Protein backbone atom coordinates (compact mmCIF):
# COMPACT_ATOMS: atom_id res chain seq x y z
CA UNK A 1 49.03 10.32 -42.57
CA UNK A 2 47.23 7.75 -45.06
CA UNK A 3 49.55 8.00 -47.46
CA UNK A 4 52.26 6.97 -44.91
CA UNK A 5 50.61 4.45 -43.47
CA UNK A 6 49.69 2.93 -47.60
CA UNK A 7 53.92 2.86 -48.10
CA UNK A 8 54.05 0.73 -44.45
CA UNK A 9 55.16 4.11 -42.13
CA UNK A 10 53.60 3.51 -38.92
CA UNK A 11 52.04 7.05 -38.40
CA UNK A 12 48.92 8.93 -37.11
CA UNK A 13 47.55 12.00 -36.54
CA UNK A 14 48.31 14.08 -33.83
CA UNK A 15 44.75 14.82 -32.15
CA UNK A 16 43.05 17.05 -29.70
CA UNK A 17 41.67 15.17 -27.15
CA UNK A 18 38.07 15.40 -28.05
CA UNK A 19 38.83 14.51 -31.43
CA UNK A 20 39.88 11.46 -30.22
CA UNK A 21 36.92 10.27 -29.45
CA UNK A 22 35.69 10.28 -33.33
CA UNK A 23 38.85 8.67 -34.57
CA UNK A 24 37.96 5.69 -36.52
CA UNK A 25 40.99 3.69 -35.52
CA UNK A 26 40.22 4.09 -31.99
CA UNK A 27 36.70 3.35 -32.76
CA UNK A 28 37.78 0.23 -34.60
CA UNK A 29 39.61 -1.19 -31.19
CA UNK A 30 36.94 -0.52 -28.76
CA UNK A 31 39.27 2.23 -27.03
CA UNK A 32 36.54 4.00 -25.56
CA UNK A 33 33.48 2.79 -23.78
CA UNK A 34 30.29 5.06 -22.59
CA UNK A 35 29.02 5.14 -18.76
CA UNK A 36 26.56 6.93 -17.55
CA UNK A 37 26.91 9.70 -14.25
CA UNK A 38 23.64 10.50 -12.52
CA UNK A 39 24.41 14.08 -12.72
CA UNK A 40 25.34 14.25 -15.95
CA UNK A 41 24.02 11.42 -18.53
CA UNK A 42 26.45 9.70 -20.66
CA UNK A 43 29.81 10.09 -21.32
CA UNK A 44 32.61 8.31 -23.21
CA UNK A 45 35.52 7.22 -21.36
CA UNK A 46 39.16 6.12 -22.71
CA UNK A 47 39.40 2.18 -22.04
CA UNK A 48 42.58 0.98 -20.66
CA UNK A 49 45.30 1.18 -24.02
CA UNK A 50 46.59 -2.40 -23.30
CA UNK A 51 44.73 -5.84 -23.35
CA UNK A 52 45.69 -8.71 -21.81
CA UNK A 53 44.27 -12.08 -22.06
CA UNK A 54 43.76 -13.26 -18.85
CA UNK A 55 43.12 -9.56 -16.76
CA UNK A 56 40.41 -7.20 -16.90
CA UNK A 57 42.14 -3.51 -17.12
CA UNK A 58 38.69 -1.79 -18.60
CA UNK A 59 37.17 1.27 -16.90
CA UNK A 60 34.49 -0.23 -14.17
CA UNK A 61 33.16 3.29 -12.94
CA UNK A 62 32.49 6.73 -14.24
CA UNK A 63 34.27 9.40 -12.58
CA UNK A 64 33.03 10.05 -8.83
CA UNK A 65 31.54 13.24 -8.52
CA UNK A 66 32.12 16.00 -6.04
CA UNK A 67 31.33 14.03 -2.18
CA UNK A 68 29.97 11.04 -3.90
CA UNK A 69 32.44 8.68 -1.28
CA UNK A 70 32.47 11.32 1.49
CA UNK A 71 30.35 9.07 4.14
CA UNK A 72 31.63 5.93 2.85
CA UNK A 73 35.63 6.83 3.73
CA UNK A 74 34.85 9.21 6.16
CA UNK A 75 32.84 6.94 8.37
CA UNK A 76 33.48 3.40 6.96
CA UNK A 77 37.18 4.06 6.63
CA UNK A 78 38.39 6.73 9.15
CA UNK A 79 35.96 5.58 11.71
CA UNK A 80 34.02 9.10 11.73
CA UNK A 81 30.46 8.71 13.54
CA UNK A 82 27.30 10.08 11.87
CA UNK A 83 27.31 13.00 14.19
CA UNK A 84 30.49 13.96 13.01
CA UNK A 85 30.00 13.46 9.66
CA UNK A 86 26.55 15.69 10.35
CA UNK A 87 29.25 18.50 12.08
CA UNK A 88 31.73 18.31 8.88
CA UNK A 89 28.74 18.97 6.71
CA UNK A 90 27.77 21.54 8.75
CA UNK A 91 31.07 23.24 9.08
CA UNK A 92 31.25 22.99 5.34
CA UNK A 93 34.17 21.16 5.57
CA UNK A 94 32.62 18.64 3.23
CA UNK A 95 29.69 17.69 1.34
CA UNK A 96 28.35 17.47 -1.82
CA UNK A 97 28.32 21.07 -3.86
CA UNK A 98 30.99 23.71 -4.24
CA UNK A 99 31.28 26.13 -1.31
CA UNK A 100 30.27 30.21 -2.21
CA UNK A 101 33.36 32.13 -2.23
């Protein structure tokens, strides 16, 4: 790759996803951002691959955890009552932990 690039030929290494986190050219371009999730600490996330002068396209929040937005979606967007939400949790239909098999 370095030899080709020195000759002016656009080239890049084929990397596994985990290897991208340590790629010097990507680091130089701030291609990743670090965010903290309450359940598992700091993790690096890829940024939006394009840059626009007047638009914010970056990663704003880490990936949600299981059930993180249940209440917001079920009651706020879908109009479920607190009792209905409690019933869904009790029945194992919604929640924040995987059900046991």
